[in-house]
Each structure stands twice: as C-alpha cells, then as structure tokens.
Amino acid sequence: MEVFIPDLINEALKYYPSRYELVRVAAIRTASLMRGDTPLISRKEAANHKSTVISLIEIKEGLWRIKE
C-alpha cells in the first residue's frame, strides 16, 4: 500500500485537531513501536513502512489513541 504523508496527516487531524498534539501523540506511538509493540495494522502492511508511518496510519484509522 502506497501512502501519501500529507493525506495521512490531514485524515489523522480529525482525531487531534491540533497539529502539535498530533505530532506529540504520533511520537509517543512511534516510540512504543520502536520498543517492540505490535503494530495494530496488518503485518503485511506494517512490513512496508517505518514506525512513524505506521503510527500515523493507526491514528488515522482510529486504532490507537492516547489515554488522557
């Protein structure tokens, strides 16, 4: 699956209207993925992307939200 980063960001903004908040949340999820957490998207899709893109895809699809 080919992704266009600006589209991912714009679609993820429906969950976090502030770009700064989205960056903060995506950074937290990216760090957890880099520590070894299992991606919430399919393994096949995750294999094609880096942790930063995976975190944005998960946020865009509503699969991961930060506990507030």
PDB file of N, CA and C in Angstrom:
ATOM      1  N   MET A   1       0.843  -1.186   0.000  1.00  0.00           N
ATOM      2  CA  MET A   1       0.000   0.000   0.000  1.00  0.00           C
ATOM      3  C   MET A   1       0.886   1.246   0.000  1.00  0.00           C
ATOM      4  N   GLU A   2       0.673   2.083  -0.957  1.00  0.00           N
ATOM      5  CA  GLU A   2       1.434   3.330  -1.036  1.00  0.00           C
ATOM      6  C   GLU A   2       0.685   4.403  -0.250  1.00  0.00           C
ATOM      7  N   VAL A   3       1.430   5.167   0.544  1.00  0.00           N
ATOM      8  CA  VAL A   3       0.803   6.220   1.345  1.00  0.00           C
ATOM      9  C   VAL A   3       1.398   7.570   0.967  1.00  0.00           C
ATOM     10  N   PHE A   4       0.571   8.579   1.113  1.00  0.00           N
ATOM     11  CA  PHE A   4       0.980   9.961   0.872  1.00  0.00           C
ATOM     12  C   PHE A   4       0.895  10.646   2.232  1.00  0.00           C
ATOM     13  N   ILE A   5       2.032  11.008   2.788  1.00  0.00           N
ATOM     14  CA  ILE A   5       2.120  11.503   4.165  1.00  0.00           C
ATOM     15  C   ILE A   5       1.193  12.691   4.431  1.00  0.00           C
ATOM     16  N   PRO A   6       1.130  13.705   3.569  1.00  0.00           N
ATOM     17  CA  PRO A   6       0.202  14.816   3.856  1.00  0.00           C
ATOM     18  C   PRO A   6      -1.256  14.354   3.996  1.00  0.00           C
ATOM     19  N   ASP A   7      -1.660  13.363   3.200  1.00  0.00           N
ATOM     20  CA  ASP A   7      -3.021  12.832   3.331  1.00  0.00           C
ATOM     21  C   ASP A   7      -3.209  12.131   4.670  1.00  0.00           C
ATOM     22  N   LEU A   8      -2.209  11.363   5.088  1.00  0.00           N
ATOM     23  CA  LEU A   8      -2.279  10.698   6.395  1.00  0.00           C
ATOM     24  C   LEU A   8      -2.456  11.716   7.509  1.00  0.00           C
ATOM     25  N   ILE A   9      -1.673  12.767   7.448  1.00  0.00           N
ATOM     26  CA  ILE A   9      -1.727  13.801   8.485  1.00  0.00           C
ATOM     27  C   ILE A   9      -3.095  14.474   8.487  1.00  0.00           C
ATOM     28  N   ASN A  10      -3.583  14.854   7.317  1.00  0.00           N
ATOM     29  CA  ASN A  10      -4.877  15.529   7.244  1.00  0.00           C
ATOM     30  C   ASN A  10      -6.013  14.644   7.750  1.00  0.00           C
ATOM     31  N   GLU A  11      -5.964  13.362   7.453  1.00  0.00           N
ATOM     32  CA  GLU A  11      -7.010  12.458   7.916  1.00  0.00           C
ATOM     33  C   GLU A  11      -6.885  12.183   9.410  1.00  0.00           C
ATOM     34  N   ALA A  12      -5.677  12.151   9.940  1.00  0.00           N
ATOM     35  CA  ALA A  12      -5.471  11.933  11.380  1.00  0.00           C
ATOM     36  C   ALA A  12      -5.897  13.145  12.196  1.00  0.00           C
ATOM     37  N   LEU A  13      -5.938  14.304  11.569  1.00  0.00           N
ATOM     38  CA  LEU A  13      -6.322  15.526  12.279  1.00  0.00           C
ATOM     39  C   LEU A  13      -7.789  15.519  12.709  1.00  0.00           C
ATOM     40  N   LYS A  14      -8.595  14.587  12.201  1.00  0.00           N
ATOM     41  CA  LYS A  14      -9.984  14.512  12.666  1.00  0.00           C
ATOM     42  C   LYS A  14     -10.046  14.004  14.112  1.00  0.00           C
ATOM     43  N   TYR A  15      -8.991  13.307  14.556  1.00  0.00           N
ATOM     44  CA  TYR A  15      -8.924  12.829  15.940  1.00  0.00           C
ATOM     45  C   TYR A  15      -8.192  13.812  16.846  1.00  0.00           C
ATOM     46  N   TYR A  16      -7.244  14.528  16.279  1.00  0.00           N
ATOM     47  CA  TYR A  16      -6.456  15.514  17.027  1.00  0.00           C
ATOM     48  C   TYR A  16      -6.415  16.790  16.190  1.00  0.00           C
ATOM     49  N   PRO A  17      -7.313  17.741  16.443  1.00  0.00           N
ATOM     50  CA  PRO A  17      -7.402  18.929  15.594  1.00  0.00           C
ATOM     51  C   PRO A  17      -6.155  19.818  15.600  1.00  0.00           C
ATOM     52  N   SER A  18      -5.325  19.689  16.606  1.00  0.00           N
ATOM     53  CA  SER A  18      -4.099  20.477  16.659  1.00  0.00           C
ATOM     54  C   SER A  18      -2.953  19.662  16.065  1.00  0.00           C
ATOM     55  N   ARG A  19      -2.254  20.229  15.127  1.00  0.00           N
ATOM     56  CA  ARG A  19      -1.105  19.536  14.527  1.00  0.00           C
ATOM     57  C   ARG A  19      -0.044  19.226  15.574  1.00  0.00           C
ATOM     58  N   TYR A  20       0.107  20.125  16.538  1.00  0.00           N
ATOM     59  CA  TYR A  20       1.102  19.914  17.589  1.00  0.00           C
ATOM     60  C   TYR A  20       0.734  18.703  18.452  1.00  0.00           C
ATOM     61  N   GLU A  21      -0.527  18.577  18.768  1.00  0.00           N
ATOM     62  CA  GLU A  21      -0.995  17.432  19.545  1.00  0.00           C
ATOM     63  C   GLU A  21      -0.831  16.142  18.743  1.00  0.00           C
ATOM     64  N   LEU A  22      -1.133  16.188  17.460  1.00  0.00           N
ATOM     65  CA  LEU A  22      -0.965  15.019  16.600  1.00  0.00           C
ATOM     66  C   LEU A  22       0.498  14.586  16.565  1.00  0.00           C
ATOM     67  N   VAL A  23       1.403  15.523  16.443  1.00  0.00           N
ATOM     68  CA  VAL A  23       2.834  15.197  16.428  1.00  0.00           C
ATOM     69  C   VAL A  23       3.246  14.557  17.752  1.00  0.00           C
ATOM     70  N   ARG A  24       2.766  15.111  18.856  1.00  0.00           N
ATOM     71  CA  ARG A  24       3.096  14.568  20.182  1.00  0.00           C
ATOM     72  C   ARG A  24       2.590  13.135  20.327  1.00  0.00           C
ATOM     73  N   VAL A  25       1.342  12.913  19.931  1.00  0.00           N
ATOM     74  CA  VAL A  25       0.736  11.585  20.054  1.00  0.00           C
ATOM     75  C   VAL A  25       1.424  10.588  19.113  1.00  0.00           C
ATOM     76  N   ALA A  26       1.693  11.004  17.891  1.00  0.00           N
ATOM     77  CA  ALA A  26       2.369  10.124  16.931  1.00  0.00           C
ATOM     78  C   ALA A  26       3.777   9.772  17.421  1.00  0.00           C
ATOM     79  N   ALA A  27       4.449  10.718  18.058  1.00  0.00           N
ATOM     80  CA  ALA A  27       5.791  10.453  18.591  1.00  0.00           C
ATOM     81  C   ALA A  27       5.741   9.420  19.711  1.00  0.00           C
ATOM     82  N   ILE A  28       4.726   9.511  20.558  1.00  0.00           N
ATOM     83  CA  ILE A  28       4.571   8.523  21.636  1.00  0.00           C
ATOM     84  C   ILE A  28       4.341   7.133  21.055  1.00  0.00           C
ATOM     85  N   ARG A  29       3.444   7.036  20.054  1.00  0.00           N
ATOM     86  CA  ARG A  29       3.161   5.731  19.445  1.00  0.00           C
ATOM     87  C   ARG A  29       4.381   5.212  18.683  1.00  0.00           C
ATOM     88  N   THR A  30       5.085   6.085  17.985  1.00  0.00           N
ATOM     89  CA  THR A  30       6.287   5.669  17.252  1.00  0.00           C
ATOM     90  C   THR A  30       7.319   5.094  18.212  1.00  0.00           C
ATOM     91  N   ALA A  31       7.510   5.745  19.345  1.00  0.00           N
ATOM     92  CA  ALA A  31       8.472   5.255  20.343  1.00  0.00           C
ATOM     93  C   ALA A  31       8.063   3.880  20.852  1.00  0.00           C
ATOM     94  N   SER A  32       6.774   3.669  21.075  1.00  0.00           N
ATOM     95  CA  SER A  32       6.332   2.364  21.565  1.00  0.00           C
ATOM     96  C   SER A  32       6.526   1.286  20.501  1.00  0.00           C
ATOM     97  N   LEU A  33       6.310   1.630  19.242  1.00  0.00           N
ATOM     98  CA  LEU A  33       6.559   0.666  18.163  1.00  0.00           C
ATOM     99  C   LEU A  33       8.042   0.331  18.065  1.00  0.00           C
ATOM    100  N   MET A  34       8.888   1.316  18.239  1.00  0.00           N
ATOM    101  CA  MET A  34      10.328   1.091  18.168  1.00  0.00           C
ATOM    102  C   MET A  34      10.828   0.257  19.348  1.00  0.00           C
ATOM    103  N   ARG A  35      10.106   0.301  20.470  1.00  0.00           N
ATOM    104  CA  ARG A  35      10.454  -0.536  21.625  1.00  0.00           C
ATOM    105  C   ARG A  35       9.982  -1.965  21.454  1.00  0.00           C
ATOM    106  N   GLY A  36       9.175  -2.223  20.430  1.00  0.00           N
ATOM    107  CA  GLY A  36       8.762  -3.588  20.168  1.00  0.00           C
ATOM    108  C   GLY A  36       7.280  -3.866  20.255  1.00  0.00           C
ATOM    109  N   ASP A  37       6.445  -2.844  20.484  1.00  0.00           N
ATOM    110  CA  ASP A  37       4.996  -3.064  20.491  1.00  0.00           C
ATOM    111  C   ASP A  37       4.544  -3.579  19.124  1.00  0.00           C
ATOM    112  N   THR A  38       3.506  -4.388  19.137  1.00  0.00           N
ATOM    113  CA  THR A  38       2.975  -4.949  17.911  1.00  0.00           C
ATOM    114  C   THR A  38       2.121  -3.913  17.187  1.00  0.00           C
ATOM    115  N   PRO A  39       2.342  -3.727  15.905  1.00  0.00           N
ATOM    116  CA  PRO A  39       1.501  -2.792  15.148  1.00  0.00           C
ATOM    117  C   PRO A  39       0.045  -3.267  15.137  1.00  0.00           C
ATOM    118  N   LEU A  40      -0.872  -2.324  15.096  1.00  0.00           N
ATOM    119  CA  LEU A  40      -2.298  -2.633  15.100  1.00  0.00           C
ATOM    120  C   LEU A  40      -2.855  -2.798  13.690  1.00  0.00           C
ATOM    121  N   ILE A  41      -2.021  -2.590  12.695  1.00  0.00           N
ATOM    122  CA  ILE A  41      -2.413  -2.828  11.311  1.00  0.00           C
ATOM    123  C   ILE A  41      -1.861  -4.191  10.898  1.00  0.00           C
ATOM    124  N   SER A  42      -2.244  -4.663   9.736  1.00  0.00           N
ATOM    125  CA  SER A  42      -1.804  -5.989   9.298  1.00  0.00           C
ATOM    126  C   SER A  42      -0.279  -6.062   9.187  1.00  0.00           C
ATOM    127  N   ARG A  43       0.250  -7.237   9.448  1.00  0.00           N
ATOM    128  CA  ARG A  43       1.707  -7.434   9.358  1.00  0.00           C
ATOM    129  C   ARG A  43       2.217  -7.124   7.956  1.00  0.00           C
ATOM    130  N   LYS A  44       1.429  -7.489   6.955  1.00  0.00           N
ATOM    131  CA  LYS A  44       1.832  -7.254   5.565  1.00  0.00           C
ATOM    132  C   LYS A  44       1.959  -5.755   5.296  1.00  0.00           C
ATOM    133  N   GLU A  45       0.994  -4.985   5.772  1.00  0.00           N
ATOM    134  CA  GLU A  45       1.034  -3.531   5.572  1.00  0.00           C
ATOM    135  C   GLU A  45       2.151  -2.902   6.402  1.00  0.00           C
ATOM    136  N   ALA A  46       2.322  -3.373   7.632  1.00  0.00           N
ATOM    137  CA  ALA A  46       3.344  -2.816   8.522  1.00  0.00           C
ATOM    138  C   ALA A  46       4.753  -3.095   8.007  1.00  0.00           C
ATOM    139  N   ALA A  47       4.933  -4.207   7.326  1.00  0.00           N
ATOM    140  CA  ALA A  47       6.263  -4.570   6.829  1.00  0.00           C
ATOM    141  C   ALA A  47       6.783  -3.585   5.786  1.00  0.00           C
ATOM    142  N   ASN A  48       5.884  -2.863   5.158  1.00  0.00           N
ATOM    143  CA  ASN A  48       6.266  -1.940   4.083  1.00  0.00           C
ATOM    144  C   ASN A  48       6.547  -0.527   4.562  1.00  0.00           C
ATOM    145  N   HIS A  49       6.393  -0.261   5.874  1.00  0.00           N
ATOM    146  CA  HIS A  49       6.503   1.108   6.360  1.00  0.00           C
ATOM    147  C   HIS A  49       7.375   1.196   7.603  1.00  0.00           C
ATOM    148  N   LYS A  50       7.883   2.387   7.836  1.00  0.00           N
ATOM    149  CA  LYS A  50       8.645   2.668   9.052  1.00  0.00           C
ATOM    150  C   LYS A  50       7.672   2.969  10.191  1.00  0.00           C
ATOM    151  N   SER A  51       8.186   2.980  11.402  1.00  0.00           N
ATOM    152  CA  SER A  51       7.361   3.177  12.592  1.00  0.00           C
ATOM    153  C   SER A  51       6.578   4.483  12.571  1.00  0.00           C
ATOM    154  N   THR A  52       7.170   5.532  12.036  1.00  0.00           N
ATOM    155  CA  THR A  52       6.471   6.822  12.009  1.00  0.00           C
ATOM    156  C   THR A  52       5.221   6.763  11.136  1.00  0.00           C
ATOM    157  N   VAL A  53       5.329   6.110  10.002  1.00  0.00           N
ATOM    158  CA  VAL A  53       4.183   5.989   9.098  1.00  0.00           C
ATOM    159  C   VAL A  53       3.146   5.045   9.695  1.00  0.00           C
ATOM    160  N   ILE A  54       3.604   3.958  10.310  1.00  0.00           N
ATOM    161  CA  ILE A  54       2.674   3.024  10.950  1.00  0.00           C
ATOM    162  C   ILE A  54       1.861   3.746  12.015  1.00  0.00           C
ATOM    163  N   SER A  55       2.512   4.572  12.826  1.00  0.00           N
ATOM    164  CA  SER A  55       1.786   5.283  13.881  1.00  0.00           C
ATOM    165  C   SER A  55       0.736   6.220  13.282  1.00  0.00           C
ATOM    166  N   LEU A  56       1.055   6.911  12.203  1.00  0.00           N
ATOM    167  CA  LEU A  56       0.079   7.796  11.564  1.00  0.00           C
ATOM    168  C   LEU A  56      -1.080   7.018  10.954  1.00  0.00           C
ATOM    169  N   ILE A  57      -0.796   5.868  10.366  1.00  0.00           N
ATOM    170  CA  ILE A  57      -1.863   5.029   9.807  1.00  0.00           C
ATOM    171  C   ILE A  57      -2.792   4.565  10.928  1.00  0.00           C
ATOM    172  N   GLU A  58      -2.215   4.120  12.045  1.00  0.00           N
ATOM    173  CA  GLU A  58      -3.034   3.656  13.174  1.00  0.00           C
ATOM    174  C   GLU A  58      -3.904   4.776  13.721  1.00  0.00           C
ATOM    175  N   ILE A  59      -3.358   5.971  13.832  1.00  0.00           N
ATOM    176  CA  ILE A  59      -4.129   7.113  14.333  1.00  0.00           C
ATOM    177  C   ILE A  59      -5.223   7.479  13.332  1.00  0.00           C
ATOM    178  N   LYS A  60      -4.884   7.510  12.061  1.00  0.00           N
ATOM    179  CA  LYS A  60      -5.853   7.857  11.010  1.00  0.00           C
ATOM    180  C   LYS A  60      -7.033   6.893  10.992  1.00  0.00           C
ATOM    181  N   GLU A  61      -6.761   5.616  11.200  1.00  0.00           N
ATOM    182  CA  GLU A  61      -7.816   4.607  11.167  1.00  0.00           C
ATOM    183  C   GLU A  61      -8.542   4.473  12.500  1.00  0.00           C
ATOM    184  N   GLY A  62      -8.131   5.269  13.493  1.00  0.00           N
ATOM    185  CA  GLY A  62      -8.802   5.238  14.785  1.00  0.00           C
ATOM    186  C   GLY A  62      -8.444   4.021  15.622  1.00  0.00           C
ATOM    187  N   LEU A  63      -7.350   3.359  15.290  1.00  0.00           N
ATOM    188  CA  LEU A  63      -6.948   2.155  16.015  1.00  0.00           C
ATOM    189  C   LEU A  63      -6.187   2.466  17.295  1.00  0.00           C
ATOM    190  N   TRP A  64      -5.558   3.635  17.361  1.00  0.00           N
ATOM    191  CA  TRP A  64      -4.746   3.978  18.538  1.00  0.00           C
ATOM    192  C   TRP A  64      -5.008   5.416  18.932  1.00  0.00           C
ATOM    193  N   ARG A  65      -5.291   5.584  20.212  1.00  0.00           N
ATOM    194  CA  ARG A  65      -5.463   6.919  20.793  1.00  0.00           C
ATOM    195  C   ARG A  65      -4.726   6.946  22.110  1.00  0.00           C
ATOM    196  N   ILE A  66      -4.264   8.109  22.479  1.00  0.00           N
ATOM    197  CA  ILE A  66      -3.556   8.248  23.746  1.00  0.00           C
ATOM    198  C   ILE A  66      -4.589   8.309  24.879  1.00  0.00           C
ATOM    199  N   LYS A  67      -4.280   7.660  25.980  1.00  0.00           N
ATOM    200  CA  LYS A  67      -5.163   7.712  27.148  1.00  0.00           C
ATOM    201  C   LYS A  67      -4.929   9.025  27.862  1.00  0.00           C
ATOM    202  N   GLU A  68      -5.978   9.772  28.048  1.00  0.00           N
ATOM    203  CA  GLU A  68      -5.831  11.089  28.689  1.00  0.00           C
ATOM    204  C   GLU A  68      -6.397  11.081  30.082  1.00  0.00           C
TER     205      GLU A  68
END
